[in-house]
Protein backbone atom coordinates (compact mmCIF):
# COMPACT_ATOMS: atom_id res chain seq x y z
CA MET A 1 28.34 38.96 -3.86
CA LEU A 2 27.02 35.96 -1.94
CA ASN A 3 29.48 33.16 -1.22
CA TYR A 4 27.83 30.05 -2.65
CA LYS A 5 28.82 26.78 -1.03
CA GLY A 6 27.37 23.32 -1.46
CA ILE A 7 25.46 23.13 -4.74
CA ASP A 8 27.55 22.57 -7.86
CA MET A 9 28.21 25.96 -9.47
CA GLU A 10 27.68 24.63 -12.99
CA LYS A 11 24.28 23.29 -11.97
CA LEU A 12 23.42 26.56 -10.20
CA THR A 13 24.38 28.57 -13.27
CA ASP A 14 22.29 26.37 -15.54
CA ILE A 15 19.24 26.66 -13.27
CA SER A 16 19.73 30.42 -12.94
CA ASN A 17 19.91 30.89 -16.70
CA ARG A 18 16.84 28.75 -17.34
CA ILE A 19 14.81 30.66 -14.75
CA ARG A 20 15.91 34.08 -15.99
CA ASP A 21 15.04 33.13 -19.55
CA ARG A 22 11.53 32.03 -18.60
CA ILE A 23 10.45 34.56 -15.97
CA LYS A 24 9.12 36.90 -18.65
CA ASP A 25 6.70 34.13 -19.74
CA LEU A 26 4.89 34.16 -16.36
CA SER A 27 2.10 36.60 -17.14
CA GLY A 28 -0.16 37.80 -14.33
CA MET A 29 2.53 37.80 -11.64
CA THR A 30 5.80 39.62 -11.10
CA ILE A 31 8.70 37.49 -9.88
CA ILE A 32 10.80 39.34 -7.29
CA SER A 33 13.22 36.63 -6.18
CA VAL A 34 13.96 32.93 -6.63
CA ALA A 35 16.23 30.85 -4.40
CA ILE A 36 17.12 27.20 -4.00
CA PHE A 37 16.97 25.92 -0.44
CA GLY A 38 16.87 22.61 1.42
CA SER A 39 19.01 19.55 0.72
CA SER A 40 20.06 20.68 -2.77
CA ALA A 41 21.37 23.98 -1.43
CA ARG A 42 23.25 22.11 1.31
CA ASN A 43 24.65 19.65 -1.25
CA GLU A 44 22.85 16.78 0.49
CA GLU A 45 20.68 15.81 -2.47
CA TYR A 46 20.55 12.25 -3.76
CA THR A 47 19.62 10.84 -7.15
CA GLY A 48 15.95 11.49 -7.80
CA SER A 49 15.57 14.09 -5.06
CA ASP A 50 13.57 17.22 -5.77
CA ILE A 51 14.75 20.81 -5.54
CA ASP A 52 13.11 23.19 -3.08
CA LEU A 53 12.48 26.57 -4.67
CA LEU A 54 11.46 29.75 -2.85
CA VAL A 55 9.63 32.06 -5.25
CA VAL A 56 8.73 35.58 -4.10
CA ALA A 57 6.16 37.26 -6.31
CA ASP A 58 3.67 40.10 -6.59
CA GLY A 59 0.23 39.51 -8.08
CA ILE A 60 -0.49 36.15 -6.44
CA PRO A 61 -3.68 35.23 -4.51
CA ASN A 62 -3.80 36.19 -0.83
CA ASP A 63 -5.15 32.74 0.05
CA VAL A 64 -2.26 30.26 0.08
CA VAL A 65 -4.56 27.40 -0.97
CA GLN A 66 -5.55 29.34 -4.09
CA ARG A 67 -1.92 29.48 -5.25
CA VAL A 68 -1.78 25.87 -6.41
CA SER A 69 -2.49 26.73 -10.05
CA ASP A 70 0.24 29.40 -9.97
CA ILE A 71 2.71 26.89 -8.52
CA VAL A 72 1.89 24.43 -11.31
CA ARG A 73 2.34 27.22 -13.87
CA ILE A 74 5.73 28.17 -12.39
CA LYS A 75 6.94 24.56 -12.59
CA ARG A 76 5.83 24.20 -16.19
CA THR A 77 7.18 27.58 -17.25
CA PHE A 78 10.60 27.11 -15.64
CA ASP A 79 10.75 23.61 -17.19
CA LEU A 80 13.90 22.64 -15.30
CA ARG A 81 13.46 18.92 -16.07
CA ILE A 82 13.91 18.08 -12.40
CA PRO A 83 11.25 17.63 -9.68
CA LEU A 84 10.46 20.98 -8.03
CA ASP A 85 8.82 21.74 -4.69
CA VAL A 86 7.84 25.40 -4.96
CA LEU A 87 7.21 27.63 -1.93
CA LEU A 88 5.36 30.62 -3.40
CA VAL A 89 5.06 33.69 -1.16
CA SER A 90 4.36 37.40 -1.43
CA LYS A 91 6.97 40.03 -0.53
CA ASP A 92 5.17 40.81 2.74
CA GLU A 93 5.00 37.12 3.70
CA CYS A 94 8.65 36.60 2.88
CA GLN A 95 9.71 39.62 4.90
CA SER A 96 7.51 38.58 7.84
CA ASN A 97 8.91 35.04 7.91
CA PHE A 98 12.51 36.24 7.86
CA ARG A 99 11.97 38.94 10.47
CA ASN A 100 9.91 36.65 12.72
CA HIS A 101 12.75 34.11 12.51
CA ASN A 102 10.75 31.20 11.16
CA PRO A 103 13.29 28.33 11.40
CA LEU A 104 12.71 27.38 7.76
CA TYR A 105 13.67 30.91 6.72
CA LEU A 106 16.68 30.83 9.02
CA ASP A 107 17.76 27.77 7.03
CA ILE A 108 17.24 29.71 3.81
CA ALA A 109 19.31 32.62 5.14
CA ILE A 110 22.20 30.29 5.98
CA ASP A 111 22.04 27.75 3.14
CA GLY A 112 19.87 29.30 0.43
CA LYS A 113 21.30 29.96 -3.02
CA ILE A 114 19.78 32.92 -4.87
CA VAL A 115 19.27 32.26 -8.56
CA TYR A 116 17.27 35.39 -9.41
CA ASP A 117 16.79 38.55 -7.38
CA THR A 118 16.01 42.24 -7.53
CA GLY A 119 18.03 42.78 -4.34
CA PHE A 120 15.04 42.13 -2.08
CA LEU A 121 15.94 38.60 -0.98
CA GLU A 122 19.68 39.16 -0.68
CA THR A 123 19.02 42.03 1.74
CA LEU A 124 16.69 39.93 3.90
CA MET A 125 19.11 37.00 3.98
CA ARG A 126 22.03 39.25 4.94
CA GLU A 127 20.01 40.95 7.71
CA THR A 128 18.94 37.55 9.04
CA ARG A 129 22.50 36.18 9.10
CA GLU A 130 23.62 39.28 10.99
CA TYR A 131 20.79 38.79 13.49
CA ILE A 132 21.72 35.13 14.00
CA SER A 133 25.33 36.11 14.69
CA SER A 134 24.39 38.77 17.25
CA SER A 135 21.44 37.15 19.04
CA GLY A 136 22.85 33.96 20.51
CA ILE A 137 20.81 31.65 18.26
CA ARG A 138 22.70 28.39 17.68
CA HIS A 139 22.52 26.24 14.55
CA SER A 140 23.68 22.64 14.34
CA ASP A 141 22.70 19.36 12.72
CA GLY A 142 19.44 20.56 11.19
CA SER A 143 18.22 22.31 14.33
CA TRP A 144 17.94 25.82 15.75
CA SER A 145 18.33 26.69 19.43
CA PHE A 146 17.01 30.03 20.65
CA PRO A 147 18.16 31.52 23.98
CA VAL A 148 15.11 30.66 26.10
CA GLU A 149 14.90 30.31 29.87
CA ASP A 150 13.40 26.92 30.69
CA ARG A 151 9.67 26.95 29.77
CA THR A 152 9.52 30.73 30.10
CA VAL A 153 7.45 32.63 27.54
CA THR A 154 10.06 34.28 25.33
CA TYR A 155 9.37 36.34 22.25
CA LEU A 156 11.68 34.99 19.57
CA SER A 157 10.26 37.77 17.38
CA LYS A 158 6.62 38.85 17.38
CA VAL A 159 5.89 35.18 18.02
CA SER A 160 6.78 33.50 21.32
CA ASN A 161 8.13 30.04 21.99
CA LYS A 162 4.83 29.19 23.67
CA GLU A 163 2.86 30.15 20.56
CA TRP A 164 5.05 27.85 18.49
CA ALA A 165 4.62 25.06 21.05
CA LEU A 166 0.84 25.40 21.18
CA SER A 167 0.66 25.42 17.38
CA TRP A 168 2.59 22.16 17.14
CA LEU A 169 0.43 20.65 19.85
CA ALA A 170 -2.84 21.75 18.24
CA ASP A 171 -1.82 20.15 14.97
CA GLY A 172 -0.80 16.96 16.77
CA LYS A 173 -4.23 16.78 18.40
CA ARG A 174 -5.82 17.00 14.96
CA ASP A 175 -3.67 14.09 13.81
CA LEU A 176 -4.90 12.08 16.79
CA LEU A 177 -8.51 12.85 15.84
CA ALA A 178 -7.73 11.77 12.28
CA ALA A 179 -6.22 8.53 13.59
CA GLU A 180 -9.34 7.77 15.62
CA HIS A 181 -11.60 8.41 12.62
CA LEU A 182 -9.44 6.30 10.31
CA LEU A 183 -9.61 3.44 12.82
CA SER A 184 -13.42 3.68 12.77
CA VAL A 185 -13.46 3.14 8.99
CA SER A 186 -10.86 0.33 9.12
CA LEU A 187 -8.05 2.30 7.45
CA TYR A 188 -5.62 0.94 10.00
CA GLU A 189 -2.28 1.78 8.38
CA LYS A 190 -3.43 5.36 7.81
CA SER A 191 -4.48 5.55 11.45
CA VAL A 192 -1.01 4.44 12.56
CA TYR A 193 0.66 7.05 10.35
CA HIS A 194 -1.40 9.85 11.91
CA CYS A 195 -0.49 8.52 15.37
CA GLN A 196 3.16 8.89 14.41
CA GLN A 197 2.46 12.45 13.28
CA ALA A 198 0.65 13.23 16.54
CA VAL A 199 3.61 11.96 18.58
CA GLU A 200 6.18 13.81 16.46
CA LYS A 201 4.32 17.12 16.69
CA ALA A 202 3.73 16.79 20.43
CA ILE A 203 7.46 16.22 20.95
CA LYS A 204 8.21 19.22 18.74
CA ALA A 205 5.86 21.24 20.96
CA VAL A 206 7.98 20.40 24.02
CA LEU A 207 11.18 21.22 22.14
CA ALA A 208 9.69 24.53 20.95
CA ALA A 209 8.87 25.44 24.56
CA TRP A 210 12.62 25.14 25.18
CA GLY A 211 13.43 27.21 22.09
CA GLU A 212 14.53 24.13 20.12
CA PHE A 213 13.46 23.61 16.50
CA LYS A 214 14.58 20.51 14.59
CA ARG A 215 14.18 19.95 10.85
CA SER A 216 13.41 16.22 10.96
CA HIS A 217 10.69 13.67 11.61
CA PHE A 218 13.11 11.99 14.02
CA VAL A 219 13.03 14.01 17.22
CA ALA A 220 12.76 11.40 19.99
CA GLU A 221 16.51 11.22 20.58
CA THR A 222 16.69 15.02 20.75
CA LEU A 223 14.02 14.99 23.46
CA ARG A 224 15.88 12.27 25.35
CA MET A 225 19.13 14.25 25.31
CA GLU A 226 17.33 17.40 26.45
CA CYS A 227 15.75 15.45 29.32
CA GLU A 228 19.16 14.23 30.44
CA ASN A 229 20.62 17.75 30.34
CA ARG A 230 17.79 19.65 32.05
CA GLN A 231 16.52 19.87 35.60
CA LEU A 232 12.99 18.55 35.09
CA GLY A 233 12.04 17.17 38.48
CA GLU A 234 8.89 15.05 38.35
CA TRP A 235 8.50 15.69 34.62
CA LYS A 236 11.59 13.72 33.68
CA GLU A 237 10.11 10.23 34.01
CA ASN A 238 7.08 10.92 31.82
CA LEU A 239 9.03 12.89 29.22
CA LEU A 240 11.49 10.02 28.89
CA LYS A 241 8.48 7.73 28.34
CA VAL A 242 7.37 10.15 25.62
CA ALA A 243 10.83 9.85 24.04
CA ASP A 244 10.58 6.04 24.17
CA ILE A 245 7.21 6.16 22.42
CA GLY A 246 8.69 8.54 19.88
CA ASP A 247 11.39 5.95 19.15
CA SER A 248 8.77 3.25 18.66
CA THR A 249 6.65 5.33 16.27
CA GLU A 250 9.29 7.00 14.09
CA SER A 251 9.60 4.05 11.71
CA GLN A 252 5.94 4.54 10.80
CA VAL A 253 6.86 7.71 8.88
CA SER A 254 7.43 5.43 5.88
CA MET A 255 6.50 1.90 6.97
CA SER A 256 2.78 2.62 7.28
CA ARG A 257 2.63 4.60 4.04
CA TYR A 258 4.53 2.91 1.22
CA PRO A 259 4.67 -0.53 -0.40
CA ARG A 260 8.10 -2.17 -0.31
CA LEU A 261 9.82 -5.38 -1.34
CA VAL A 262 10.18 -8.05 1.36
CA ASP A 263 11.34 -11.61 0.54
CA ASP A 264 10.86 -11.05 -3.18
CA MET A 265 7.26 -9.97 -2.66
CA ILE A 266 5.52 -6.61 -2.43
CA TRP A 267 4.74 -5.75 1.18
CA ARG A 268 1.56 -3.65 1.26
CA PRO A 269 0.82 -1.64 4.42
CA HIS A 270 -2.95 -2.07 4.20
CA GLU A 271 -2.51 -5.86 4.30
CA ARG A 272 -0.25 -5.81 7.36
CA TYR A 273 -1.97 -3.49 9.82
CA ASP A 274 -5.09 -4.39 11.76
CA GLY A 275 -7.37 -2.82 14.34
CA ASP A 276 -5.35 -4.05 17.30
CA ILE A 277 -2.18 -2.43 15.98
CA ALA A 278 -4.00 0.83 15.29
CA LYS A 279 -5.52 0.84 18.78
CA GLU A 280 -2.09 0.26 20.30
CA TYR A 281 -0.67 3.27 18.49
CA ILE A 282 -3.66 5.42 19.37
CA GLY A 283 -3.03 4.58 23.02
CA LYS A 284 0.60 5.65 22.65
CA ALA A 285 -0.38 8.89 20.92
CA GLU A 286 -3.01 9.69 23.56
CA PHE A 287 -0.42 9.33 26.34
CA VAL A 288 2.09 11.53 24.50
CA ILE A 289 -0.47 14.24 23.73
CA ARG A 290 -1.68 14.27 27.34
CA ILE A 291 1.80 14.58 28.86
CA CYS A 292 3.02 17.17 26.36
CA ASP A 293 -0.18 19.18 26.71
CA GLN A 294 0.27 19.32 30.49
CA PHE A 295 3.95 20.23 30.14
CA VAL A 296 3.49 22.97 27.55
CA GLY A 297 0.30 24.36 29.08
């Protein structure tokens, strides 16, 4: 029997019962396992927050993009009367993510709360917790630290730290391209947001090269602390500059995206950002991408 901590047991029981009652109504797919993960499972939820739900199923499309209609159907069928963010995966995908030690699935193994299972998910979660205990992987404050020699290619599973780093970096470069295009069509606040994303992902690439994975948009301070604790030689100065830029862009996660109230008036991002601001952020993102690319490469 799993030891559930965090989420209120009465709430967990209610969700479990609702899901069990409605699974039979999901024709065309076979539900294998359902688990709550994320802030709700860690008892960090706040009023209005959604619940992250891992759903393992047979009979779903191979193409992840083509699963949207199934995800909508799951939400409507379960009818939990709370916002749901559904991660729908096949058995093979679920097994691969656990056994390749995807940090999200490590979180699920530690914090996840099973609400329906055929035994498949409980076995994977138990195996993963045992691996974490025996492998030297450290978990603290929303982050995972793998035992990696400094910037040495290390296979954390079938996937190496360098592959993770290059993937983060490649996605950050795409955000920079998006920022440049959005500037060209005068969508300045959107350009700034993608600059923030480019910087965040480039920093995560550096952290991944060190075997560090953090579940947050706010990673600049983590990079700064790593720089202070590592022997980086000539890299230290530029990586600290990257951390400084990260600090200056992190507020754009929300500021550039959402209206807010300021002085009894609605503050609209598209009215407050201009081409000069967007160009400034593109310059910051270009520097960060260049330094992190050189470091990771």
